[in-house]
Amino acid sequence: MRLHSPRVGNIEDLRRLARRRLPTVVFDYLDGGAEGEVTRRALEILRADMERTLQLPGCPAVTQLDRSFVDAPA
């Protein structure tokens, strides 16, 4: 399944898109100038961990995550 990708024309468009899609704390951190080598590596580790975690229940992407992946009493 291919998800619709919004068009990005400039950096401000990209920032608006990122602000809508990322958790506020993540956007604020990255937008605040987190360019250090340690920060880039930490984000790689977090991304890999998130991808592995999604694979466990068979979820293809964060955008596909919903209540059907949670086994909780009604």
PDB file of N, CA and C in Angstrom:
ATOM      1  N   MET A   1       0.829  -1.170   0.000  1.00  0.00           N
ATOM      2  CA  MET A   1       0.000   0.000   0.000  1.00  0.00           C
ATOM      3  C   MET A   1       0.882   1.244   0.000  1.00  0.00           C
ATOM      4  N   ARG A   2       0.650   2.145  -0.889  1.00  0.00           N
ATOM      5  CA  ARG A   2       1.439   3.373  -0.971  1.00  0.00           C
ATOM      6  C   ARG A   2       0.663   4.509  -0.342  1.00  0.00           C
ATOM      7  N   LEU A   3       1.291   5.170   0.610  1.00  0.00           N
ATOM      8  CA  LEU A   3       0.640   6.299   1.262  1.00  0.00           C
ATOM      9  C   LEU A   3       0.886   7.563   0.452  1.00  0.00           C
ATOM     10  N   HIS A   4      -0.069   8.464   0.469  1.00  0.00           N
ATOM     11  CA  HIS A   4       0.061   9.731  -0.234  1.00  0.00           C
ATOM     12  C   HIS A   4       1.140  10.571   0.435  1.00  0.00           C
ATOM     13  N   SER A   5       2.083  11.067  -0.331  1.00  0.00           N
ATOM     14  CA  SER A   5       3.124  11.935   0.195  1.00  0.00           C
ATOM     15  C   SER A   5       2.808  13.373  -0.174  1.00  0.00           C
ATOM     16  N   PRO A   6       2.688  14.247   0.823  1.00  0.00           N
ATOM     17  CA  PRO A   6       2.417  15.645   0.512  1.00  0.00           C
ATOM     18  C   PRO A   6       3.611  16.275  -0.195  1.00  0.00           C
ATOM     19  N   ARG A   7       3.334  17.260  -1.009  1.00  0.00           N
ATOM     20  CA  ARG A   7       4.409  17.951  -1.724  1.00  0.00           C
ATOM     21  C   ARG A   7       5.085  18.948  -0.803  1.00  0.00           C
ATOM     22  N   VAL A   8       6.393  18.974  -0.897  1.00  0.00           N
ATOM     23  CA  VAL A   8       7.188  19.903  -0.107  1.00  0.00           C
ATOM     24  C   VAL A   8       7.908  20.806  -1.084  1.00  0.00           C
ATOM     25  N   GLY A   9       7.652  22.121  -1.002  1.00  0.00           N
ATOM     26  CA  GLY A   9       8.251  23.060  -1.938  1.00  0.00           C
ATOM     27  C   GLY A   9       9.462  23.783  -1.386  1.00  0.00           C
ATOM     28  N   ASN A  10       9.529  23.936  -0.072  1.00  0.00           N
ATOM     29  CA  ASN A  10      10.667  24.624   0.537  1.00  0.00           C
ATOM     30  C   ASN A  10      10.826  24.154   1.978  1.00  0.00           C
ATOM     31  N   ILE A  11      11.807  24.690   2.651  1.00  0.00           N
ATOM     32  CA  ILE A  11      12.118  24.229   4.003  1.00  0.00           C
ATOM     33  C   ILE A  11      10.981  24.514   4.981  1.00  0.00           C
ATOM     34  N   GLU A  12      10.272  25.608   4.800  1.00  0.00           N
ATOM     35  CA  GLU A  12       9.150  25.915   5.688  1.00  0.00           C
ATOM     36  C   GLU A  12       8.016  24.905   5.507  1.00  0.00           C
ATOM     37  N   ASP A  13       7.783  24.464   4.259  1.00  0.00           N
ATOM     38  CA  ASP A  13       6.790  23.409   4.028  1.00  0.00           C
ATOM     39  C   ASP A  13       7.190  22.138   4.763  1.00  0.00           C
ATOM     40  N   LEU A  14       8.466  21.814   4.694  1.00  0.00           N
ATOM     41  CA  LEU A  14       8.990  20.621   5.364  1.00  0.00           C
ATOM     42  C   LEU A  14       8.836  20.742   6.879  1.00  0.00           C
ATOM     43  N   ARG A  15       9.135  21.917   7.434  1.00  0.00           N
ATOM     44  CA  ARG A  15       8.983  22.136   8.870  1.00  0.00           C
ATOM     45  C   ARG A  15       7.524  21.974   9.307  1.00  0.00           C
ATOM     46  N   ARG A  16       6.590  22.541   8.525  1.00  0.00           N
ATOM     47  CA  ARG A  16       5.168  22.415   8.856  1.00  0.00           C
ATOM     48  C   ARG A  16       4.733  20.951   8.839  1.00  0.00           C
ATOM     49  N   LEU A  17       5.192  20.213   7.819  1.00  0.00           N
ATOM     50  CA  LEU A  17       4.864  18.794   7.711  1.00  0.00           C
ATOM     51  C   LEU A  17       5.438  18.018   8.907  1.00  0.00           C
ATOM     52  N   ALA A  18       6.697  18.284   9.231  1.00  0.00           N
ATOM     53  CA  ALA A  18       7.334  17.607  10.367  1.00  0.00           C
ATOM     54  C   ALA A  18       6.624  17.947  11.674  1.00  0.00           C
ATOM     55  N   ARG A  19       6.234  19.209  11.852  1.00  0.00           N
ATOM     56  CA  ARG A  19       5.537  19.617  13.075  1.00  0.00           C
ATOM     57  C   ARG A  19       4.223  18.852  13.234  1.00  0.00           C
ATOM     58  N   ARG A  20       3.517  18.611  12.126  1.00  0.00           N
ATOM     59  CA  ARG A  20       2.245  17.874  12.186  1.00  0.00           C
ATOM     60  C   ARG A  20       2.453  16.388  12.454  1.00  0.00           C
ATOM     61  N   ARG A  21       3.527  15.820  11.920  1.00  0.00           N
ATOM     62  CA  ARG A  21       3.696  14.357  11.986  1.00  0.00           C
ATOM     63  C   ARG A  21       4.509  13.850  13.165  1.00  0.00           C
ATOM     64  N   LEU A  22       5.385  14.677  13.704  1.00  0.00           N
ATOM     65  CA  LEU A  22       6.244  14.229  14.806  1.00  0.00           C
ATOM     66  C   LEU A  22       5.628  14.590  16.144  1.00  0.00           C
ATOM     67  N   PRO A  23       5.906  13.792  17.170  1.00  0.00           N
ATOM     68  CA  PRO A  23       5.502  14.209  18.513  1.00  0.00           C
ATOM     69  C   PRO A  23       6.147  15.563  18.820  1.00  0.00           C
ATOM     70  N   THR A  24       5.457  16.421  19.543  1.00  0.00           N
ATOM     71  CA  THR A  24       5.935  17.776  19.815  1.00  0.00           C
ATOM     72  C   THR A  24       7.340  17.792  20.389  1.00  0.00           C
ATOM     73  N   VAL A  25       7.606  16.919  21.356  1.00  0.00           N
ATOM     74  CA  VAL A  25       8.919  16.920  21.992  1.00  0.00           C
ATOM     75  C   VAL A  25      10.024  16.586  20.987  1.00  0.00           C
ATOM     76  N   VAL A  26       9.752  15.680  20.054  1.00  0.00           N
ATOM     77  CA  VAL A  26      10.745  15.307  19.042  1.00  0.00           C
ATOM     78  C   VAL A  26      10.962  16.463  18.078  1.00  0.00           C
ATOM     79  N   PHE A  27       9.868  17.058  17.600  1.00  0.00           N
ATOM     80  CA  PHE A  27      10.012  18.184  16.675  1.00  0.00           C
ATOM     81  C   PHE A  27      10.783  19.322  17.328  1.00  0.00           C
ATOM     82  N   ASP A  28      10.408  19.691  18.549  1.00  0.00           N
ATOM     83  CA  ASP A  28      11.083  20.794  19.234  1.00  0.00           C
ATOM     84  C   ASP A  28      12.560  20.523  19.417  1.00  0.00           C
ATOM     85  N   TYR A  29      12.893  19.288  19.749  1.00  0.00           N
ATOM     86  CA  TYR A  29      14.295  18.928  19.935  1.00  0.00           C
ATOM     87  C   TYR A  29      15.075  19.050  18.628  1.00  0.00           C
ATOM     88  N   LEU A  30      14.528  18.473  17.564  1.00  0.00           N
ATOM     89  CA  LEU A  30      15.216  18.515  16.280  1.00  0.00           C
ATOM     90  C   LEU A  30      15.254  19.928  15.706  1.00  0.00           C
ATOM     91  N   ASP A  31      14.173  20.657  15.863  1.00  0.00           N
ATOM     92  CA  ASP A  31      14.097  22.010  15.347  1.00  0.00           C
ATOM     93  C   ASP A  31      15.033  22.947  16.104  1.00  0.00           C
ATOM     94  N   GLY A  32      15.380  22.568  17.319  1.00  0.00           N
ATOM     95  CA  GLY A  32      16.266  23.398  18.133  1.00  0.00           C
ATOM     96  C   GLY A  32      17.729  23.288  17.762  1.00  0.00           C
ATOM     97  N   GLY A  33      18.061  22.552  16.716  1.00  0.00           N
ATOM     98  CA  GLY A  33      19.447  22.490  16.262  1.00  0.00           C
ATOM     99  C   GLY A  33      20.201  21.267  16.746  1.00  0.00           C
ATOM    100  N   ALA A  34      19.547  20.145  16.847  1.00  0.00           N
ATOM    101  CA  ALA A  34      20.197  18.917  17.289  1.00  0.00           C
ATOM    102  C   ALA A  34      20.966  18.307  16.126  1.00  0.00           C
ATOM    103  N   GLU A  35      22.182  18.802  15.896  1.00  0.00           N
ATOM    104  CA  GLU A  35      22.966  18.294  14.768  1.00  0.00           C
ATOM    105  C   GLU A  35      24.181  17.476  15.174  1.00  0.00           C
ATOM    106  N   GLY A  36      24.433  17.339  16.475  1.00  0.00           N
ATOM    107  CA  GLY A  36      25.646  16.661  16.914  1.00  0.00           C
ATOM    108  C   GLY A  36      25.710  15.199  16.501  1.00  0.00           C
ATOM    109  N   GLU A  37      26.912  14.667  16.408  1.00  0.00           N
ATOM    110  CA  GLU A  37      27.108  13.268  16.006  1.00  0.00           C
ATOM    111  C   GLU A  37      26.412  12.313  16.966  1.00  0.00           C
ATOM    112  N   VAL A  38      26.492  12.602  18.264  1.00  0.00           N
ATOM    113  CA  VAL A  38      25.862  11.735  19.251  1.00  0.00           C
ATOM    114  C   VAL A  38      24.354  11.746  19.055  1.00  0.00           C
ATOM    115  N   THR A  39      23.792  12.927  18.814  1.00  0.00           N
ATOM    116  CA  THR A  39      22.348  13.039  18.602  1.00  0.00           C
ATOM    117  C   THR A  39      21.935  12.252  17.370  1.00  0.00           C
ATOM    118  N   ARG A  40      22.701  12.369  16.250  1.00  0.00           N
ATOM    119  CA  ARG A  40      22.328  11.637  15.041  1.00  0.00           C
ATOM    120  C   ARG A  40      22.355  10.156  15.284  1.00  0.00           C
ATOM    121  N   ARG A  41      23.335   9.651  16.022  1.00  0.00           N
ATOM    122  CA  ARG A  41      23.436   8.219  16.326  1.00  0.00           C
ATOM    123  C   ARG A  41      22.296   7.788  17.249  1.00  0.00           C
ATOM    124  N   ALA A  42      21.966   8.616  18.232  1.00  0.00           N
ATOM    125  CA  ALA A  42      20.874   8.286  19.150  1.00  0.00           C
ATOM    126  C   ALA A  42      19.564   8.148  18.385  1.00  0.00           C
ATOM    127  N   LEU A  43      19.320   9.018  17.443  1.00  0.00           N
ATOM    128  CA  LEU A  43      18.091   8.934  16.653  1.00  0.00           C
ATOM    129  C   LEU A  43      18.078   7.678  15.797  1.00  0.00           C
ATOM    130  N   GLU A  44      19.227   7.269  15.269  1.00  0.00           N
ATOM    131  CA  GLU A  44      19.311   6.026  14.501  1.00  0.00           C
ATOM    132  C   GLU A  44      18.954   4.828  15.375  1.00  0.00           C
ATOM    133  N   ILE A  45      19.449   4.827  16.598  1.00  0.00           N
ATOM    134  CA  ILE A  45      19.161   3.739  17.531  1.00  0.00           C
ATOM    135  C   ILE A  45      17.670   3.711  17.868  1.00  0.00           C
ATOM    136  N   LEU A  46      17.093   4.880  18.141  1.00  0.00           N
ATOM    137  CA  LEU A  46      15.665   4.954  18.448  1.00  0.00           C
ATOM    138  C   LEU A  46      14.819   4.495  17.270  1.00  0.00           C
ATOM    139  N   ARG A  47      15.210   4.883  16.051  1.00  0.00           N
ATOM    140  CA  ARG A  47      14.455   4.477  14.862  1.00  0.00           C
ATOM    141  C   ARG A  47      14.507   2.961  14.679  1.00  0.00           C
ATOM    142  N   ALA A  48      15.701   2.383  14.819  1.00  0.00           N
ATOM    143  CA  ALA A  48      15.857   0.935  14.657  1.00  0.00           C
ATOM    144  C   ALA A  48      15.035   0.193  15.715  1.00  0.00           C
ATOM    145  N   ASP A  49      15.049   0.702  16.954  1.00  0.00           N
ATOM    146  CA  ASP A  49      14.280   0.079  18.021  1.00  0.00           C
ATOM    147  C   ASP A  49      12.783   0.158  17.729  1.00  0.00           C
ATOM    148  N   MET A  50      12.320   1.299  17.238  1.00  0.00           N
ATOM    149  CA  MET A  50      10.908   1.450  16.906  1.00  0.00           C
ATOM    150  C   MET A  50      10.513   0.503  15.778  1.00  0.00           C
ATOM    151  N   GLU A  51      11.362   0.370  14.762  1.00  0.00           N
ATOM    152  CA  GLU A  51      11.061  -0.536  13.648  1.00  0.00           C
ATOM    153  C   GLU A  51      10.979  -1.984  14.120  1.00  0.00           C
ATOM    154  N   ARG A  52      11.915  -2.397  14.988  1.00  0.00           N
ATOM    155  CA  ARG A  52      11.884  -3.763  15.542  1.00  0.00           C
ATOM    156  C   ARG A  52      10.623  -3.985  16.373  1.00  0.00           C
ATOM    157  N   THR A  53      10.273  -2.995  17.175  1.00  0.00           N
ATOM    158  CA  THR A  53       9.084  -3.109  18.021  1.00  0.00           C
ATOM    159  C   THR A  53       7.827  -3.250  17.181  1.00  0.00           C
ATOM    160  N   LEU A  54       7.735  -2.510  16.083  1.00  0.00           N
ATOM    161  CA  LEU A  54       6.572  -2.610  15.202  1.00  0.00           C
ATOM    162  C   LEU A  54       6.512  -3.967  14.504  1.00  0.00           C
ATOM    163  N   GLN A  55       7.657  -4.558  14.230  1.00  0.00           N
ATOM    164  CA  GLN A  55       7.694  -5.852  13.545  1.00  0.00           C
ATOM    165  C   GLN A  55       7.151  -6.982  14.428  1.00  0.00           C
ATOM    166  N   LEU A  56       7.303  -6.866  15.734  1.00  0.00           N
ATOM    167  CA  LEU A  56       6.871  -7.931  16.641  1.00  0.00           C
ATOM    168  C   LEU A  56       5.397  -8.292  16.458  1.00  0.00           C
ATOM    169  N   PRO A  57       4.477  -7.315  16.441  1.00  0.00           N
ATOM    170  CA  PRO A  57       3.070  -7.679  16.200  1.00  0.00           C
ATOM    171  C   PRO A  57       2.702  -7.704  14.719  1.00  0.00           C
ATOM    172  N   GLY A  58       3.668  -7.452  13.836  1.00  0.00           N
ATOM    173  CA  GLY A  58       3.384  -7.477  12.403  1.00  0.00           C
ATOM    174  C   GLY A  58       2.864  -6.170  11.845  1.00  0.00           C
ATOM    175  N   CYS A  59       3.116  -5.068  12.526  1.00  0.00           N
ATOM    176  CA  CYS A  59       2.661  -3.761  12.050  1.00  0.00           C
ATOM    177  C   CYS A  59       3.666  -3.218  11.030  1.00  0.00           C
ATOM    178  N   PRO A  60       3.223  -2.871   9.818  1.00  0.00           N
ATOM    179  CA  PRO A  60       4.146  -2.435   8.783  1.00  0.00           C
ATOM    180  C   PRO A  60       4.711  -1.031   8.961  1.00  0.00           C
ATOM    181  N   ALA A  61       4.005  -0.154   9.662  1.00  0.00           N
ATOM    182  CA  ALA A  61       4.467   1.224   9.827  1.00  0.00           C
ATOM    183  C   ALA A  61       3.719   1.890  10.971  1.00  0.00           C
ATOM    184  N   VAL A  62       4.294   2.934  11.535  1.00  0.00           N
ATOM    185  CA  VAL A  62       3.653   3.672  12.612  1.00  0.00           C
ATOM    186  C   VAL A  62       2.288   4.180  12.169  1.00  0.00           C
ATOM    187  N   THR A  63       2.181   4.586  10.922  1.00  0.00           N
ATOM    188  CA  THR A  63       0.914   5.111  10.416  1.00  0.00           C
ATOM    189  C   THR A  63      -0.180   4.049  10.380  1.00  0.00           C
ATOM    190  N   GLN A  64       0.198   2.781  10.429  1.00  0.00           N
ATOM    191  CA  GLN A  64      -0.776   1.681  10.406  1.00  0.00           C
ATOM    192  C   GLN A  64      -1.128   1.193  11.811  1.00  0.00           C
ATOM    193  N   LEU A  65      -0.461   1.728  12.816  1.00  0.00           N
ATOM    194  CA  LEU A  65      -0.684   1.302  14.193  1.00  0.00           C
ATOM    195  C   LEU A  65      -2.051   1.780  14.675  1.00  0.00           C
ATOM    196  N   ASP A  66      -2.834   0.847  15.200  1.00  0.00           N
ATOM    197  CA  ASP A  66      -4.150   1.176  15.746  1.00  0.00           C
ATOM    198  C   ASP A  66      -4.459   0.216  16.892  1.00  0.00           C
ATOM    199  N   ARG A  67      -5.653   0.316  17.436  1.00  0.00           N
ATOM    200  CA  ARG A  67      -6.034  -0.507  18.598  1.00  0.00           C
ATOM    201  C   ARG A  67      -6.047  -2.000  18.308  1.00  0.00           C
ATOM    202  N   SER A  68      -6.102  -2.391  17.049  1.00  0.00           N
ATOM    203  CA  SER A  68      -6.130  -3.827  16.731  1.00  0.00           C
ATOM    204  C   SER A  68      -4.815  -4.515  17.097  1.00  0.00           C
ATOM    205  N   PHE A  69      -3.754  -3.747  17.332  1.00  0.00           N
ATOM    206  CA  PHE A  69      -2.462  -4.317  17.708  1.00  0.00           C
ATOM    207  C   PHE A  69      -2.322  -4.434  19.229  1.00  0.00           C
ATOM    208  N   VAL A  70      -3.349  -4.033  19.975  1.00  0.00           N
ATOM    209  CA  VAL A  70      -3.301  -4.074  21.430  1.00  0.00           C
ATOM    210  C   VAL A  70      -4.314  -5.084  21.939  1.00  0.00           C
ATOM    211  N   ASP A  71      -3.850  -6.004  22.790  1.00  0.00           N
ATOM    212  CA  ASP A  71      -4.742  -6.999  23.387  1.00  0.00           C
ATOM    213  C   ASP A  71      -5.073  -6.535  24.789  1.00  0.00           C
ATOM    214  N   ALA A  72      -6.195  -5.830  24.919  1.00  0.00           N
ATOM    215  CA  ALA A  72      -6.589  -5.296  26.207  1.00  0.00           C
ATOM    216  C   ALA A  72      -8.055  -5.635  26.455  1.00  0.00           C
ATOM    217  N   PRO A  73      -8.435  -5.796  27.733  1.00  0.00           N
ATOM    218  CA  PRO A  73      -9.835  -6.065  28.029  1.00  0.00           C
ATOM    219  C   PRO A  73     -10.728  -4.909  27.575  1.00  0.00           C
ATOM    220  N   ALA A  74     -11.924  -5.246  27.180  1.00  0.00           N
ATOM    221  CA  ALA A  74     -12.868  -4.223  26.682  1.00  0.00           C
ATOM    222  C   ALA A  74     -13.349  -3.324  27.785  1.00  0.00           C
TER     223      ALA A  74
END
